[in-house]
């Protein structure tokens, strides 16, 4: 079972860049940076993430075994990222 110290870098590596591209914001940009998330983009992100969370919570495999489903998702995401980088 993955630990928090193992999962956090994976999320940062795979999820944050995708969200940054989707909303036109540099990952890790600080408040003084030239690329800030606008109120409109924050709202879009909130709506998208809320819908995604609702879909995950309603999924039968997540309801049956939440940690196992997250584990399988992370394994598949890592496998896909490794395959696309080769």
Foldseek 3Di string as FASTA:
>chain_A
DDDPVRVVVLCLVQPQVVLCVVQVADPPDDPPDPGDRDPVSVVVVVVVVVVVVVVQVPDPVCVVPVVVVVVVVSVVSVVVVVVVVD
